[in-house]
Amino acid sequence: MSRRTLLRGGHVLTMDPALRDVLGGDLLIEDDRIAAVAPSLEVGDAEVIDAADCIVIPGFVDSHRHTWETVIRGIAPDVSLGGYFAIVLDQLAPAYRPEDVYAGNYLGSLEAIDAGVTTLLDWSHINNTPEHSDEAIRGLRDARLRAVYCYGNPNTSLADWWYESTLESPEDIRRVRSQYFSSNDGLITLAMGTRGPGFCTPEVVKHDWQLAREVGAPISVHVGMGPYAGRFAMVSQLDELGLLGPDTTYIHCNYLSDEEFRLIADTGGKVSIAPSVEMVMGHGTPPTAKALKHGLRPSLSIDVVTTVPGDMFTQMRFLFAEARLLEHEAAFAAGNEEEPMLLSSREVLEFATIEGARVCGLDERIGSLTPGNQAVVVLLRFDETNTYPIIVNV
């Protein structure tokens, strides 16, 4: 017999354009699936949860987090990107034991769940040994959230693994694929994190892209973070190598040219923005407007809790304020007295939910409260002093 649960009377923001919002409506869950969303449902003996004082939304999707760093969270609030490389990747990462990676991934996953982030892409550049990889996956599994395990490079030496590195990503991803990800239908799926041009030689770049595609892993790469990386013209180099494709997500993108954004869009690529980290650590202005200009709907990510909070509301607020400020300033500079076209709060919520699911390749399972999708649901109370009142226009 299936288990049936009804969320009764909540303001349901489905994030599905066909369903739209159902204010003061019902959402029925059968086992682990959404069965129905409607203004009122008769469901017999279903367990009923009173959601009358709640907003009901899909769980947030974090499309890029270095989860292993959770056990050193808050260690570097004042550092720039260069300082992060020197402290975290060159000093701390080489000292990490497999059990440290487990603790980071397990606690980081619980931190995410506690903040309503029910899915994350774990960009795991701590695969110093095969045991490190095993423990990273075990930490995600034990926390029981949905995740994409993004197999990255080791970090045993900054000089060896970054800055024109000649070291190829480990072939151990083949074992990881066979041992843990024989199917793409599990709660945890596989991706591959690559360093890209400027951080390793063209021969290594080609090897790593080919390896990812041989094992059937979507690719995730940091590009254009800071003016230094911007000079690499990483996307243009990838184009020259013939490696661009719809299986690739480009993270940050702060110093990409319009031509590079066009290349991403034309080849079906995806974009992940980490607005809080990008502004605090000096990656550059979050490229929201540039991405949207080229038809690229971005997802949002936390990146590193060594420096910024691990909740999605921080990211949404940073992005919302920054994007609108730039539009206001541009309109003023142009002498335009009319209010410019501004990013909406609904769009930012889309970036944190359905667009995150799409970027992670999971939009047919999660990201919207569509019947048939998995029931990944977050309730936000609005009867507390910091959320009251909710005004509904009917």
Protein backbone atom coordinates (compact mmCIF):
# COMPACT_ATOMS: atom_id res chain seq x y z
CA MET A 1 0.00 0.00 0.00
CA SER A 2 1.36 3.44 -0.93
CA ARG A 3 1.94 6.12 1.68
CA ARG A 4 -0.07 9.27 0.98
CA THR A 5 0.58 12.69 2.50
CA LEU A 6 -1.42 15.85 1.86
CA LEU A 7 -0.03 19.35 2.44
CA ARG A 8 -3.26 21.25 3.03
CA GLY A 9 -3.91 24.95 2.35
CA GLY A 10 -0.38 26.17 1.58
CA HIS A 11 0.64 28.83 -0.92
CA VAL A 12 2.16 26.46 -3.48
CA LEU A 13 4.76 28.01 -5.79
CA THR A 14 5.12 25.11 -8.22
CA MET A 15 7.81 26.71 -10.45
CA ASP A 16 6.04 24.89 -13.27
CA PRO A 17 4.82 27.46 -15.86
CA ALA A 18 1.93 25.20 -16.82
CA LEU A 19 0.68 24.84 -13.23
CA ARG A 20 1.73 28.28 -11.98
CA ASP A 21 0.98 29.15 -8.34
CA VAL A 22 -1.84 27.61 -6.33
CA LEU A 23 -2.58 29.94 -3.45
CA GLY A 24 -4.23 28.32 -0.46
CA GLY A 25 -4.05 24.99 -2.28
CA ASP A 26 -3.26 21.36 -1.67
CA LEU A 27 -0.31 19.22 -2.67
CA LEU A 28 -0.59 15.43 -2.55
CA ILE A 29 2.45 13.16 -2.20
CA GLU A 30 2.26 9.43 -2.84
CA ASP A 31 5.35 7.59 -1.60
CA ASP A 32 8.23 9.71 -2.98
CA ARG A 33 6.32 11.36 -5.84
CA ILE A 34 4.12 14.40 -6.25
CA ALA A 35 0.70 13.07 -7.22
CA ALA A 36 -1.42 16.22 -7.58
CA VAL A 37 -1.54 19.98 -7.00
CA ALA A 38 -4.93 21.71 -6.92
CA PRO A 39 -6.98 24.32 -5.03
CA SER A 40 -8.66 21.50 -3.11
CA LEU A 41 -8.14 17.75 -3.08
CA GLU A 42 -10.22 14.97 -1.52
CA VAL A 43 -7.74 12.31 -0.52
CA GLY A 44 -9.49 9.95 1.88
CA ASP A 45 -7.16 8.47 4.45
CA ALA A 46 -4.01 10.43 3.54
CA GLU A 47 -1.96 11.89 6.38
CA VAL A 48 -2.77 15.61 6.43
CA ILE A 49 -0.21 18.30 7.26
CA ASP A 50 -1.61 21.79 7.85
CA ALA A 51 0.36 24.12 5.56
CA ALA A 52 -2.03 27.07 5.86
CA ASP A 53 0.68 29.31 7.30
CA CYS A 54 3.34 28.18 4.84
CA ILE A 55 4.77 28.88 1.42
CA VAL A 56 5.43 25.57 -0.35
CA ILE A 57 8.31 25.51 -2.83
CA PRO A 58 10.63 22.95 -4.42
CA GLY A 59 13.86 22.30 -2.54
CA PHE A 60 16.76 24.55 -3.50
CA VAL A 61 19.42 23.20 -5.86
CA ASP A 62 23.07 24.20 -5.31
CA SER A 63 24.89 23.61 -8.59
CA HIS A 64 28.47 23.92 -7.25
CA ARG A 65 29.78 23.43 -3.70
CA HIS A 66 33.16 22.19 -2.49
CA THR A 67 31.48 20.27 0.29
CA TRP A 68 34.64 18.71 1.71
CA GLU A 69 35.59 22.14 3.10
CA THR A 70 32.73 22.17 5.61
CA VAL A 71 35.00 21.09 8.48
CA ILE A 72 37.05 24.26 7.95
CA ARG A 73 33.98 26.47 7.45
CA GLY A 74 34.46 30.13 8.28
CA ILE A 75 38.24 29.87 8.25
CA ALA A 76 38.82 32.48 5.55
CA PRO A 77 36.17 35.23 5.56
CA ASP A 78 38.65 37.94 4.57
CA VAL A 79 40.72 36.24 1.86
CA SER A 80 40.69 36.86 -1.86
CA LEU A 81 40.74 34.09 -4.45
CA GLY A 82 44.55 34.02 -4.36
CA GLY A 83 44.49 33.65 -0.59
CA TYR A 84 42.00 30.81 -0.87
CA PHE A 85 44.33 28.95 -3.24
CA ALA A 86 47.28 29.51 -0.89
CA ILE A 87 45.54 28.59 2.36
CA VAL A 88 42.92 26.00 1.46
CA LEU A 89 44.30 24.27 -1.63
CA ASP A 90 48.05 24.50 -0.92
CA GLN A 91 48.19 24.13 2.88
CA LEU A 92 45.05 22.38 4.11
CA ALA A 93 43.96 20.14 1.24
CA PRO A 94 47.22 18.12 1.15
CA ALA A 95 46.74 17.32 4.85
CA TYR A 96 43.21 15.98 4.43
CA ARG A 97 42.69 12.33 5.32
CA PRO A 98 39.86 10.25 3.84
CA GLU A 99 37.97 10.49 7.15
CA ASP A 100 38.20 14.30 6.97
CA VAL A 101 36.56 14.21 3.55
CA TYR A 102 33.77 12.01 4.92
CA ALA A 103 33.17 14.42 7.80
CA GLY A 104 33.13 17.41 5.46
CA ASN A 105 30.69 15.86 3.02
CA TYR A 106 28.41 14.43 5.69
CA LEU A 107 28.23 17.62 7.76
CA GLY A 108 28.07 19.79 4.65
CA SER A 109 25.13 17.80 3.34
CA LEU A 110 23.31 18.17 6.66
CA GLU A 111 24.04 21.90 6.61
CA ALA A 112 22.54 22.09 3.12
CA ILE A 113 19.40 20.19 4.12
CA ASP A 114 18.97 22.40 7.18
CA ALA A 115 18.96 25.44 4.85
CA GLY A 116 16.42 23.94 2.44
CA VAL A 117 19.08 22.95 -0.11
CA THR A 118 17.90 19.45 -0.94
CA THR A 119 20.17 18.86 -3.94
CA LEU A 120 23.79 19.84 -4.41
CA LEU A 121 26.56 19.27 -6.91
CA ASP A 122 29.56 18.31 -4.81
CA TRP A 123 32.58 19.67 -6.76
CA SER A 124 35.06 17.34 -5.10
CA HIS A 125 38.62 18.46 -5.85
CA ILE A 126 40.02 16.45 -2.94
CA ASN A 127 40.56 13.05 -4.62
CA ASN A 128 44.08 12.72 -3.25
CA THR A 129 43.70 8.93 -3.12
CA PRO A 130 40.95 6.49 -4.14
CA GLU A 131 40.01 6.27 -0.46
CA HIS A 132 39.33 10.02 -0.44
CA SER A 133 36.82 9.52 -3.27
CA ASP A 134 35.16 6.59 -1.50
CA GLU A 135 34.71 8.57 1.69
CA ALA A 136 33.35 11.60 -0.17
CA ILE A 137 30.65 9.44 -1.72
CA ARG A 138 29.92 7.71 1.58
CA GLY A 139 29.40 11.08 3.28
CA LEU A 140 26.84 12.12 0.66
CA ARG A 141 25.08 8.76 0.86
CA ASP A 142 24.86 8.72 4.64
CA ALA A 143 23.28 12.19 4.67
CA ARG A 144 20.61 10.94 2.23
CA LEU A 145 20.18 14.10 0.21
CA ARG A 146 20.15 14.13 -3.58
CA ALA A 147 23.59 14.94 -4.93
CA VAL A 148 25.76 15.00 -8.01
CA TYR A 149 29.20 13.72 -7.09
CA CYS A 150 31.48 15.79 -9.32
CA TYR A 151 34.79 13.92 -9.41
CA GLY A 152 37.61 16.49 -9.44
CA ASN A 153 41.39 16.52 -9.34
CA PRO A 154 43.58 15.77 -6.33
CA ASN A 155 45.01 18.68 -4.36
CA THR A 156 48.27 17.33 -2.99
CA SER A 157 50.32 20.25 -4.35
CA LEU A 158 49.23 23.59 -5.78
CA ALA A 159 52.27 23.69 -8.05
CA ASP A 160 51.55 20.22 -9.42
CA TRP A 161 47.81 20.41 -10.00
CA TRP A 162 47.29 24.06 -11.02
CA TYR A 163 49.08 26.67 -13.14
CA GLU A 164 49.91 24.90 -16.41
CA SER A 165 49.73 21.48 -14.77
CA THR A 166 50.93 18.50 -16.79
CA LEU A 167 49.13 16.01 -14.52
CA GLU A 168 46.05 14.35 -15.99
CA SER A 169 42.92 13.75 -13.93
CA PRO A 170 43.10 10.28 -12.37
CA GLU A 171 41.74 7.33 -14.31
CA ASP A 172 40.23 6.16 -11.00
CA ILE A 173 36.99 7.81 -12.10
CA ARG A 174 36.47 4.65 -14.19
CA ARG A 175 36.41 2.59 -10.97
CA VAL A 176 34.15 5.15 -9.30
CA ARG A 177 31.72 4.96 -12.21
CA SER A 178 31.67 1.16 -12.19
CA GLN A 179 31.52 0.75 -8.41
CA TYR A 180 29.03 3.45 -7.46
CA PHE A 181 27.27 4.76 -10.56
CA SER A 182 26.44 1.84 -12.83
CA SER A 183 23.06 3.57 -13.32
CA ASN A 184 22.17 7.25 -13.70
CA ASP A 185 18.92 6.72 -11.80
CA GLY A 186 20.24 6.73 -8.24
CA LEU A 187 19.91 9.35 -5.53
CA ILE A 188 23.52 10.31 -6.28
CA THR A 189 24.73 10.69 -9.86
CA LEU A 190 28.16 11.29 -11.38
CA ALA A 191 29.80 14.30 -13.03
CA MET A 192 33.44 15.29 -13.56
CA GLY A 193 35.15 18.50 -12.49
CA THR A 194 37.93 19.67 -14.80
CA ARG A 195 40.50 22.45 -14.48
CA GLY A 196 40.47 23.74 -18.06
CA PRO A 197 42.87 25.85 -20.14
CA GLY A 198 45.25 28.09 -18.21
CA PHE A 199 45.32 25.71 -15.25
CA CYS A 200 46.68 22.75 -17.19
CA THR A 201 48.26 22.16 -20.60
CA PRO A 202 46.15 21.68 -23.74
CA GLU A 203 47.12 18.00 -23.81
CA VAL A 204 45.79 17.54 -20.27
CA VAL A 205 42.62 19.48 -21.09
CA LYS A 206 41.91 17.19 -24.04
CA HIS A 207 42.64 14.08 -21.97
CA ASP A 208 40.31 15.17 -19.16
CA TRP A 209 37.42 16.08 -21.48
CA GLN A 210 37.80 12.78 -23.33
CA LEU A 211 37.94 10.84 -20.04
CA ALA A 212 34.73 12.49 -18.81
CA ARG A 213 32.92 11.69 -22.03
CA GLU A 214 34.18 8.10 -22.10
CA VAL A 215 32.68 7.44 -18.66
CA GLY A 216 29.50 9.35 -19.50
CA ALA A 217 29.99 12.09 -16.90
CA PRO A 218 28.74 15.65 -17.47
CA ILE A 219 31.55 18.19 -17.18
CA SER A 220 31.85 21.14 -14.79
CA VAL A 221 34.64 23.73 -15.11
CA HIS A 222 35.52 27.05 -13.43
CA VAL A 223 36.08 29.81 -16.01
CA GLY A 224 36.78 33.54 -15.99
CA MET A 225 37.00 33.93 -12.23
CA GLY A 226 39.09 37.07 -11.69
CA PRO A 227 40.98 39.12 -14.27
CA TYR A 228 43.90 36.66 -14.13
CA ALA A 229 41.76 33.73 -15.25
CA GLY A 230 39.89 36.04 -17.61
CA ARG A 231 43.10 36.55 -19.59
CA PHE A 232 43.14 32.82 -20.33
CA ALA A 233 40.05 33.19 -22.56
CA MET A 234 39.24 29.69 -21.38
CA VAL A 235 36.04 29.23 -23.35
CA SER A 236 37.69 30.45 -26.55
CA GLN A 237 40.54 27.99 -25.97
CA LEU A 238 38.07 25.16 -25.41
CA ASP A 239 36.39 26.11 -28.67
CA GLU A 240 39.72 25.98 -30.51
CA LEU A 241 40.27 22.51 -29.05
CA GLY A 242 36.83 21.42 -30.28
CA LEU A 243 35.64 20.57 -26.77
CA LEU A 244 32.56 22.75 -26.20
CA GLY A 245 29.28 20.90 -25.84
CA PRO A 246 25.89 20.65 -24.13
CA ASP A 247 27.33 18.38 -21.44
CA THR A 248 29.38 21.21 -19.88
CA THR A 249 28.56 23.66 -17.07
CA TYR A 250 30.69 26.81 -16.83
CA ILE A 251 31.08 28.15 -13.28
CA HIS A 252 31.50 31.86 -12.43
CA CYS A 253 32.09 33.30 -15.96
CA ASN A 254 32.84 36.76 -14.51
CA TYR A 255 35.45 37.80 -17.06
CA LEU A 256 34.11 36.10 -20.17
CA SER A 257 33.73 38.12 -23.34
CA ASP A 258 30.44 38.42 -25.20
CA GLU A 259 31.89 36.08 -27.80
CA GLU A 260 32.58 33.45 -25.14
CA PHE A 261 29.04 33.70 -23.81
CA ARG A 262 27.80 33.28 -27.37
CA LEU A 263 29.94 30.17 -27.78
CA ILE A 264 28.46 28.67 -24.60
CA ALA A 265 24.92 29.44 -25.74
CA ASP A 266 25.48 28.17 -29.30
CA THR A 267 26.85 24.84 -28.04
CA GLY A 268 24.11 24.28 -25.44
CA GLY A 269 26.31 24.89 -22.40
CA LYS A 270 25.04 25.85 -18.94
CA VAL A 271 26.07 28.50 -16.41
CA SER A 272 26.43 28.45 -12.61
CA ILE A 273 26.90 31.71 -10.68
CA ALA A 274 28.10 32.01 -7.06
CA PRO A 275 27.27 35.68 -6.37
CA SER A 276 28.36 35.94 -2.74
CA VAL A 277 31.80 34.38 -3.23
CA GLU A 278 32.35 36.19 -6.52
CA MET A 279 31.91 39.61 -4.94
CA VAL A 280 33.64 38.87 -1.63
CA MET A 281 36.69 37.05 -3.03
CA GLY A 282 37.26 39.19 -6.12
CA HIS A 283 36.18 36.85 -8.89
CA GLY A 284 34.35 39.78 -10.48
CA THR A 285 30.83 41.06 -10.93
CA PRO A 286 28.32 38.20 -11.07
CA PRO A 287 27.53 38.00 -14.82
CA THR A 288 23.76 37.64 -14.51
CA ALA A 289 22.83 40.23 -17.14
CA LYS A 290 25.46 38.99 -19.59
CA ALA A 291 24.26 35.41 -19.27
CA LEU A 292 20.60 36.38 -19.71
CA LYS A 293 21.50 38.56 -22.69
CA HIS A 294 22.68 35.41 -24.46
CA GLY A 295 19.70 33.31 -23.43
CA LEU A 296 21.57 31.50 -20.66
CA ARG A 297 19.41 31.02 -17.57
CA PRO A 298 21.90 30.66 -14.71
CA SER A 299 21.78 28.41 -11.68
CA LEU A 300 23.07 29.48 -8.27
CA SER A 301 25.75 27.99 -6.07
CA ILE A 302 27.31 28.44 -2.64
CA ASP A 303 30.89 27.51 -3.67
CA VAL A 304 32.86 27.52 -0.37
CA VAL A 305 31.64 27.84 3.22
CA THR A 306 35.18 28.73 4.24
CA THR A 307 34.18 32.25 3.22
CA VAL A 308 30.39 32.63 2.78
CA PRO A 309 27.22 31.22 4.35
CA GLY A 310 25.83 27.90 3.11
CA ASP A 311 22.22 28.98 2.53
CA MET A 312 20.54 29.83 -0.77
CA PHE A 313 18.77 32.94 0.52
CA THR A 314 22.16 34.68 0.82
CA GLN A 315 22.91 33.88 -2.81
CA MET A 316 19.49 34.99 -4.04
CA ARG A 317 19.68 38.30 -2.18
CA PHE A 318 23.21 39.06 -3.39
CA LEU A 319 22.28 38.30 -7.00
CA PHE A 320 18.97 40.20 -6.86
CA ALA A 321 20.52 43.35 -5.39
CA GLU A 322 23.62 43.34 -7.62
CA ALA A 323 21.74 42.78 -10.88
CA ARG A 324 19.17 45.49 -10.16
CA LEU A 325 21.84 47.97 -9.03
CA LEU A 326 23.74 47.57 -12.29
CA GLU A 327 20.59 48.12 -14.34
CA HIS A 328 19.70 51.27 -12.38
CA GLU A 329 23.25 52.64 -12.77
CA ALA A 330 23.31 51.87 -16.49
CA ALA A 331 19.98 53.66 -16.98
CA PHE A 332 21.22 56.70 -15.05
CA ALA A 333 24.47 56.83 -17.02
CA ALA A 334 22.50 56.72 -20.26
CA GLY A 335 20.26 59.56 -19.11
CA ASN A 336 17.20 57.33 -19.18
CA GLU A 337 14.61 58.62 -16.73
CA GLU A 338 12.31 55.63 -17.17
CA GLU A 339 12.73 52.62 -14.91
CA PRO A 340 14.82 49.98 -16.68
CA MET A 341 13.89 46.34 -17.15
CA LEU A 342 14.82 44.77 -13.83
CA LEU A 343 15.44 41.25 -12.65
CA SER A 344 12.45 39.97 -10.68
CA SER A 345 12.36 38.06 -7.42
CA ARG A 346 10.48 35.24 -9.20
CA GLU A 347 13.33 34.86 -11.69
CA VAL A 348 15.86 34.58 -8.87
CA LEU A 349 13.74 31.86 -7.23
CA GLU A 350 13.73 30.05 -10.58
CA PHE A 351 17.54 30.21 -10.66
CA ALA A 352 17.64 28.57 -7.21
CA THR A 353 15.18 25.79 -8.06
CA ILE A 354 14.19 24.72 -11.56
CA GLU A 355 17.25 26.23 -13.28
CA GLY A 356 19.53 24.55 -10.76
CA ALA A 357 17.86 21.24 -11.51
CA ARG A 358 18.29 21.82 -15.26
CA VAL A 359 21.96 22.71 -14.93
CA CYS A 360 22.52 19.55 -12.87
CA GLY A 361 20.65 17.44 -15.45
CA LEU A 362 17.86 16.64 -12.99
CA ASP A 363 14.97 18.81 -14.22
CA GLU A 364 12.89 15.77 -15.17
CA ARG A 365 13.01 14.63 -11.54
CA ILE A 366 13.16 17.72 -9.32
CA GLY A 367 13.14 21.52 -9.37
CA SER A 368 9.38 22.00 -9.74
CA LEU A 369 6.32 20.69 -7.94
CA THR A 370 5.06 18.95 -11.05
CA PRO A 371 3.02 15.75 -10.64
CA GLY A 372 5.32 12.82 -11.37
CA ASN A 373 8.40 14.58 -10.03
CA GLN A 374 10.07 13.41 -6.87
CA ALA A 375 8.58 15.02 -3.79
CA VAL A 376 11.44 17.33 -2.80
CA VAL A 377 9.50 20.02 -0.95
CA VAL A 378 10.38 22.89 1.39
CA LEU A 379 7.85 24.68 3.62
CA LEU A 380 8.55 28.26 4.70
CA ARG A 381 6.50 29.47 7.65
CA PHE A 382 5.07 32.97 7.34
CA ASP A 383 3.44 33.27 10.76
CA GLU A 384 6.70 34.32 12.41
CA THR A 385 7.62 37.92 13.14
CA ASN A 386 10.35 38.03 10.48
CA THR A 387 8.09 36.73 7.68
CA TYR A 388 4.62 38.07 8.56
CA PRO A 389 2.49 39.23 6.78
CA ILE A 390 1.99 37.56 3.42
CA ILE A 391 -0.13 39.67 1.08
CA VAL A 392 -1.82 37.70 -1.70
CA ASN A 393 -3.28 39.35 -4.78
CA VAL A 394 -6.09 37.14 -6.03
